[in-house]
Amino acid sequence: MKQILILELSEQVFADIQRQAETIGISTEHLAATLLERKDSGLRVGN
């Protein structure tokens, strides 16, 4: 199942993610998704 999430990031945050992704050889999108999945257990929507 594929879902689309639009993120609004500062230029600095995007540049940091992009640099890290290039360093490990994956796409920026893949790294952002991986980071969000790892953080998922701490994310809460609403209250």
Protein backbone atom coordinates (compact mmCIF):
# COMPACT_ATOMS: atom_id res chain seq x y z
CA MET A 1 0.00 0.00 0.00
CA LYS A 2 1.42 3.37 -0.99
CA GLN A 3 0.56 6.58 0.78
CA ILE A 4 1.69 10.12 0.07
CA LEU A 5 2.71 12.49 2.84
CA ILE A 6 3.59 16.10 2.11
CA LEU A 7 6.09 17.62 4.53
CA GLU A 8 6.97 21.25 4.89
CA LEU A 9 10.61 21.48 5.99
CA SER A 10 13.01 24.34 6.40
CA GLU A 11 15.73 24.52 3.78
CA GLN A 12 18.31 23.59 6.42
CA VAL A 13 16.45 20.48 7.55
CA PHE A 14 15.90 19.35 3.96
CA ALA A 15 19.58 19.96 3.15
CA ASP A 16 20.64 17.89 6.17
CA ILE A 17 18.36 15.00 5.19
CA GLN A 18 19.51 15.22 1.57
CA ARG A 19 23.19 15.20 2.57
CA GLN A 20 22.71 12.19 4.85
CA ALA A 21 20.78 10.32 2.16
CA GLU A 22 23.51 10.95 -0.42
CA THR A 23 26.15 9.79 2.05
CA ILE A 24 24.46 6.43 2.56
CA GLY A 25 23.36 6.08 -1.06
CA ILE A 26 19.57 6.25 -0.83
CA SER A 27 16.98 8.77 -1.97
CA THR A 28 16.00 11.70 0.20
CA GLU A 29 12.42 10.41 0.20
CA HIS A 30 13.49 6.95 1.36
CA LEU A 31 15.54 8.37 4.23
CA ALA A 32 12.72 10.69 5.34
CA ALA A 33 10.25 7.78 5.28
CA THR A 34 12.66 5.57 7.22
CA LEU A 35 13.16 8.25 9.87
CA LEU A 36 9.40 8.72 10.21
CA GLU A 37 8.82 4.97 10.50
CA ARG A 38 11.41 4.71 13.27
CA LYS A 39 9.83 7.65 15.07
CA ASP A 40 6.31 6.25 14.54
CA SER A 41 6.03 4.79 18.02
CA GLY A 42 6.44 8.28 19.46
CA LEU A 43 4.08 10.10 17.10
CA ARG A 44 0.59 10.86 18.29
CA VAL A 45 -2.23 12.56 16.41
CA GLY A 46 -4.59 14.79 18.36
CA ASN A 47 -4.54 14.81 22.14
